[in-house]
Amino acid sequence: MNPVIKSATLPIFLCTFILGTCSISFGQRPGSNKSFAQLDKEIEDQTKAIELNPNDEKLYIKRGRSLYRRFEKDKALDDFNKAVEIAPHSAYVYLERGGFYSLYNKNELAIADYTKSIDLAPHNLEAFIERGFAYKRTKKYQMAIADFSKTIDLEPKNRLHYINRAEMYENSGNFKNALNDYSSAIVLDTSVDLRRSHAIYYRRGLIKIKLNESKAAIEDFNRAIKYDPEKNYIYFKRRADSFCKIGEKEKAGLDEKVVIDLGGKITTPCR
């Protein structure tokens, strides 16, 4: 049985649309905390290591990452290509080059590399994750759903995989399946007071609005507000909208006041 591959990259699923802006692989983008002088020294050392071990694909991957952070895009790609040339049967090198392509929005090339990585290692968790997001960027939501379903098969207790798939269901208009996946993610939340799930309750509430279930949506907005330590005004705004929709104008007005107190704006107050 092939092991689940976890490379040195940062998994993209750690930063979904709920959890924040995503940074695909590599850990650092150009202009990271390292100065150009530090990166130049790093590249120099890596070049010396390559001279001593010219057939070590991992050294080219490391230098490729450093070159990328140094804004040396073409040279970085040369190193990723060299790694593939040296180790054409390594799932790892295709995963890494796919991550590089993804950073420059070359999604079809990225998908091809992730697919090759999966062909070589069918239990390659990160490749399914990364390819799922590449499919998302190209709006191939059904393909993304298939990949995130595979990540759930590989890690059934990882709530983030359910969140990823829920968004794809939502984007494709399958709101009931999206709702079920958000619910599964909440069940798997082991944080204190379900604090990780406040945004998921909010997203599930929005879906319930689309399903014309305003009262049920209010229950989810209640939970989002309860578990959110920062008190996001948008949660109060959506609850105010829902209260207004079912005729609870006084409660809507109270929430609108909170929105303003928290720094938000009400353009169309409930009347």
Protein backbone atom coordinates (compact mmCIF):
# COMPACT_ATOMS: atom_id res chain seq x y z
CA MET A 1 0.00 0.00 0.00
CA ASN A 2 1.42 3.36 -1.00
CA PRO A 3 1.96 5.79 1.89
CA VAL A 4 0.33 9.20 1.98
CA ILE A 5 2.92 11.59 0.60
CA LYS A 6 3.56 14.75 2.57
CA SER A 7 6.36 16.83 1.10
CA ALA A 8 8.13 19.83 2.55
CA THR A 9 5.60 22.20 1.03
CA LEU A 10 2.97 23.97 3.08
CA PRO A 11 -0.36 22.28 2.30
CA ILE A 12 -2.71 24.64 0.54
CA PHE A 13 -5.67 23.33 2.51
CA LEU A 14 -4.40 25.16 5.61
CA CYS A 15 -5.76 28.39 4.15
CA THR A 16 -9.13 27.97 2.57
CA PHE A 17 -11.50 30.80 1.74
CA ILE A 18 -12.71 30.61 5.35
CA LEU A 19 -9.33 30.56 7.03
CA GLY A 20 -7.58 33.27 5.06
CA THR A 21 -5.70 34.01 1.86
CA CYS A 22 -3.92 31.02 0.43
CA SER A 23 -0.23 30.76 -0.32
CA ILE A 24 0.47 27.78 -2.52
CA SER A 25 3.41 25.61 -1.40
CA PHE A 26 6.96 26.81 -0.89
CA GLY A 27 6.17 28.48 2.43
CA GLN A 28 7.34 31.95 1.35
CA ARG A 29 6.53 34.21 -1.57
CA PRO A 30 8.90 36.68 -3.20
CA GLY A 31 9.72 39.51 -0.84
CA SER A 32 9.67 37.24 2.22
CA ASN A 33 11.39 38.05 5.50
CA LYS A 34 14.77 37.01 4.11
CA SER A 35 16.83 39.80 2.59
CA PHE A 36 18.23 39.47 -0.91
CA ALA A 37 21.69 39.19 0.65
CA GLN A 38 20.53 36.23 2.74
CA LEU A 39 18.91 34.61 -0.28
CA ASP A 40 22.03 35.16 -2.38
CA LYS A 41 24.11 33.40 0.28
CA GLU A 42 21.55 30.59 0.44
CA ILE A 43 21.65 30.17 -3.34
CA GLU A 44 25.44 30.21 -3.30
CA ASP A 45 25.54 27.44 -0.70
CA GLN A 46 22.95 25.40 -2.58
CA THR A 47 24.93 25.78 -5.81
CA LYS A 48 28.03 24.42 -4.07
CA ALA A 49 26.00 21.50 -2.77
CA ILE A 50 24.76 20.78 -6.30
CA GLU A 51 28.33 20.85 -7.63
CA LEU A 52 29.18 18.13 -5.11
CA ASN A 53 25.97 16.15 -5.73
CA PRO A 54 24.79 16.98 -9.28
CA ASN A 55 22.28 14.14 -9.38
CA ASP A 56 20.39 15.00 -6.19
CA GLU A 57 17.00 16.25 -7.32
CA LYS A 58 16.11 17.59 -3.88
CA LEU A 59 18.98 20.08 -4.03
CA TYR A 60 17.56 21.52 -7.24
CA ILE A 61 14.15 21.78 -5.61
CA LYS A 62 15.66 23.69 -2.69
CA ARG A 63 17.56 26.08 -4.94
CA GLY A 64 14.49 26.50 -7.13
CA ARG A 65 12.52 27.67 -4.11
CA SER A 66 15.25 30.13 -3.15
CA LEU A 67 15.47 31.46 -6.70
CA TYR A 68 11.72 31.90 -6.73
CA ARG A 69 11.90 33.99 -3.56
CA ARG A 70 14.69 35.98 -5.22
CA PHE A 71 12.31 36.78 -8.13
CA GLU A 72 14.44 34.63 -10.47
CA LYS A 73 11.45 32.92 -12.07
CA ASP A 74 13.14 31.48 -15.16
CA LYS A 75 16.14 30.14 -13.23
CA ALA A 76 13.80 28.65 -10.65
CA LEU A 77 11.86 26.84 -13.36
CA ASP A 78 15.12 25.53 -14.81
CA ASP A 79 15.89 23.94 -11.45
CA PHE A 80 12.45 22.37 -11.12
CA ASN A 81 12.77 21.02 -14.65
CA LYS A 82 16.21 19.63 -13.82
CA ALA A 83 14.77 17.88 -10.76
CA VAL A 84 12.15 16.23 -12.98
CA GLU A 85 14.83 15.27 -15.50
CA ILE A 86 16.93 13.60 -12.79
CA ALA A 87 14.04 11.84 -11.07
CA PRO A 88 11.23 11.32 -13.61
CA HIS A 89 9.68 8.58 -11.48
CA SER A 90 9.49 10.69 -8.31
CA ALA A 91 6.03 11.89 -7.29
CA TYR A 92 7.71 14.54 -5.15
CA VAL A 93 9.36 16.48 -7.99
CA TYR A 94 6.12 16.76 -9.97
CA LEU A 95 4.30 17.95 -6.86
CA GLU A 96 6.95 20.64 -6.34
CA ARG A 97 6.98 21.82 -9.95
CA GLY A 98 3.19 21.81 -9.97
CA GLY A 99 3.29 24.11 -6.95
CA PHE A 100 5.61 26.46 -8.82
CA TYR A 101 3.27 26.55 -11.84
CA SER A 102 0.33 27.23 -9.53
CA LEU A 103 2.07 30.27 -8.07
CA TYR A 104 2.10 31.82 -11.54
CA ASN A 105 -1.47 30.74 -12.32
CA LYS A 106 -0.32 28.26 -14.96
CA ASN A 107 -3.09 25.96 -13.86
CA GLU A 108 -3.15 23.51 -16.75
CA LEU A 109 0.57 22.83 -16.40
CA ALA A 110 0.10 22.51 -12.64
CA ILE A 111 -2.77 20.07 -13.07
CA ALA A 112 -0.65 17.96 -15.44
CA ASP A 113 2.16 17.77 -12.87
CA TYR A 114 -0.19 16.99 -9.97
CA THR A 115 -1.80 14.27 -12.10
CA LYS A 116 1.62 12.76 -12.84
CA SER A 117 2.43 12.90 -9.12
CA ILE A 118 -0.81 11.06 -8.35
CA ASP A 119 -0.14 8.48 -11.06
CA LEU A 120 3.20 7.73 -9.42
CA ALA A 121 1.80 7.75 -5.87
CA PRO A 122 -1.98 7.11 -5.78
CA HIS A 123 -2.19 8.04 -2.08
CA ASN A 124 -0.48 11.38 -2.63
CA LEU A 125 -2.60 13.56 -0.34
CA GLU A 126 -0.99 16.91 -1.15
CA ALA A 127 -1.26 16.35 -4.89
CA PHE A 128 -5.01 15.78 -4.59
CA ILE A 129 -5.32 18.92 -2.46
CA GLU A 130 -3.26 21.06 -4.80
CA ARG A 131 -4.97 19.72 -7.92
CA GLY A 132 -8.36 20.32 -6.33
CA PHE A 133 -7.50 23.98 -5.87
CA ALA A 134 -6.12 24.21 -9.40
CA TYR A 135 -9.45 22.85 -10.64
CA LYS A 136 -11.18 25.44 -8.48
CA ARG A 137 -9.17 28.25 -10.06
CA THR A 138 -10.21 27.01 -13.49
CA LYS A 139 -13.83 26.66 -12.30
CA LYS A 140 -13.87 22.91 -12.90
CA TYR A 141 -15.85 22.40 -9.73
CA GLN A 142 -16.89 18.80 -10.33
CA MET A 143 -13.26 17.79 -10.80
CA ALA A 144 -12.35 19.68 -7.63
CA ILE A 145 -15.16 17.89 -5.76
CA ALA A 146 -13.73 14.54 -6.88
CA ASP A 147 -10.26 15.47 -5.63
CA PHE A 148 -11.46 16.77 -2.28
CA SER A 149 -13.59 13.65 -1.91
CA LYS A 150 -10.37 11.68 -2.30
CA THR A 151 -8.70 13.76 0.42
CA ILE A 152 -11.61 12.89 2.69
CA ASP A 153 -11.08 9.20 1.89
CA LEU A 154 -7.41 9.58 2.82
CA GLU A 155 -8.01 11.69 5.95
CA PRO A 156 -11.65 11.27 7.00
CA LYS A 157 -11.20 13.11 10.30
CA ASN A 158 -9.60 16.24 8.84
CA ARG A 159 -12.30 18.93 8.94
CA LEU A 160 -10.49 21.13 6.42
CA HIS A 161 -11.11 18.65 3.61
CA TYR A 162 -14.85 18.91 4.22
CA ILE A 163 -14.61 22.71 4.14
CA ASN A 164 -12.75 22.57 0.83
CA ARG A 165 -15.36 20.29 -0.72
CA ALA A 166 -18.23 22.30 0.74
CA GLU A 167 -17.02 25.40 -1.07
CA MET A 168 -16.92 23.50 -4.35
CA TYR A 169 -20.45 22.21 -3.81
CA GLU A 170 -21.51 25.76 -3.02
CA ASN A 171 -19.85 27.13 -6.15
CA SER A 172 -21.57 24.49 -8.28
CA GLY A 173 -24.99 25.26 -6.76
CA ASN A 174 -25.31 22.03 -4.78
CA PHE A 175 -26.29 23.76 -1.55
CA LYS A 176 -27.59 20.72 0.30
CA ASN A 177 -24.31 18.84 -0.09
CA ALA A 178 -22.42 21.98 0.88
CA LEU A 179 -24.53 22.26 4.01
CA ASN A 180 -23.81 18.62 4.89
CA ASP A 181 -20.07 19.10 4.49
CA TYR A 182 -20.03 22.25 6.62
CA SER A 183 -21.96 20.29 9.24
CA SER A 184 -19.37 17.50 9.11
CA ALA A 185 -16.59 20.05 9.59
CA ILE A 186 -18.34 21.42 12.67
CA VAL A 187 -18.71 17.92 14.15
CA LEU A 188 -14.96 17.42 13.71
CA ASP A 189 -14.08 20.70 15.43
CA THR A 190 -12.17 19.92 18.63
CA SER A 191 -11.21 23.49 19.50
CA VAL A 192 -12.25 25.13 22.75
CA ASP A 193 -15.85 26.39 22.49
CA LEU A 194 -15.89 25.50 18.78
CA ARG A 195 -13.97 28.69 18.08
CA ARG A 196 -12.64 27.40 14.79
CA SER A 197 -16.16 26.87 13.51
CA HIS A 198 -17.64 30.35 13.84
CA ALA A 199 -16.97 31.10 10.15
CA ILE A 200 -18.41 27.74 9.14
CA TYR A 201 -21.63 28.46 11.01
CA TYR A 202 -21.74 31.75 9.12
CA ARG A 203 -21.25 30.05 5.74
CA ARG A 204 -23.85 27.43 6.59
CA GLY A 205 -26.24 30.21 7.58
CA LEU A 206 -25.80 31.84 4.19
CA ILE A 207 -26.64 28.56 2.50
CA LYS A 208 -29.78 28.21 4.59
CA ILE A 209 -30.84 31.66 3.38
CA LYS A 210 -30.46 30.43 -0.20
CA LEU A 211 -32.61 27.44 0.75
CA ASN A 212 -35.26 29.85 2.12
CA GLU A 213 -34.65 28.71 5.69
CA SER A 214 -34.25 32.11 7.37
CA LYS A 215 -35.08 30.93 10.91
CA ALA A 216 -32.55 28.12 10.68
CA ALA A 217 -30.03 30.62 9.27
CA ILE A 218 -30.54 32.84 12.32
CA GLU A 219 -29.66 29.89 14.56
CA ASP A 220 -26.36 29.50 12.71
CA PHE A 221 -25.63 33.24 12.86
CA ASN A 222 -26.31 33.03 16.62
CA ARG A 223 -23.64 30.35 16.90
CA ALA A 224 -21.21 32.27 14.70
CA ILE A 225 -21.59 35.31 16.94
CA LYS A 226 -21.30 33.23 20.12
CA TYR A 227 -18.06 31.50 19.11
CA ASP A 228 -16.33 34.39 17.32
CA PRO A 229 -13.78 35.96 19.71
CA GLU A 230 -13.35 39.01 17.45
CA LYS A 231 -17.08 39.72 16.96
CA ASN A 232 -17.19 40.16 13.19
CA TYR A 233 -19.83 42.76 12.31
CA ILE A 234 -20.79 40.91 9.13
CA TYR A 235 -22.30 38.14 11.27
CA PHE A 236 -24.60 40.68 12.94
CA LYS A 237 -25.42 42.23 9.57
CA ARG A 238 -26.54 38.94 8.07
CA ARG A 239 -28.56 38.12 11.18
CA ALA A 240 -30.19 41.55 10.96
CA ASP A 241 -31.11 40.85 7.33
CA SER A 242 -32.62 37.52 8.34
CA PHE A 243 -34.57 39.02 11.23
CA CYS A 244 -35.91 41.68 8.87
CA LYS A 245 -36.92 39.05 6.33
CA ILE A 246 -39.12 37.21 8.84
CA GLY A 247 -40.60 40.43 10.22
CA GLU A 248 -38.56 40.69 13.45
CA LYS A 249 -37.78 44.38 12.81
CA GLU A 250 -36.93 45.29 16.40
CA LYS A 251 -34.29 42.55 16.62
CA ALA A 252 -33.00 43.56 13.20
CA GLY A 253 -32.61 47.12 14.43
CA LEU A 254 -30.63 46.01 17.47
CA ASP A 255 -28.25 44.04 15.27
CA GLU A 256 -27.87 46.97 12.89
CA LYS A 257 -26.79 49.12 15.84
CA VAL A 258 -24.15 46.55 16.75
CA VAL A 259 -22.92 46.55 13.14
CA ILE A 260 -22.36 50.31 13.32
CA ASP A 261 -20.74 50.06 16.77
CA LEU A 262 -18.30 47.48 15.37
CA GLY A 263 -17.32 49.74 12.47
CA GLY A 264 -19.64 48.47 9.76
CA LYS A 265 -22.23 50.29 7.70
CA ILE A 266 -25.94 49.79 7.12
CA THR A 267 -26.92 51.09 3.69
CA THR A 268 -30.52 49.84 3.75
CA PRO A 269 -31.88 49.65 7.33
CA CYS A 270 -34.82 47.42 8.13
CA ARG A 271 -38.11 49.36 8.01
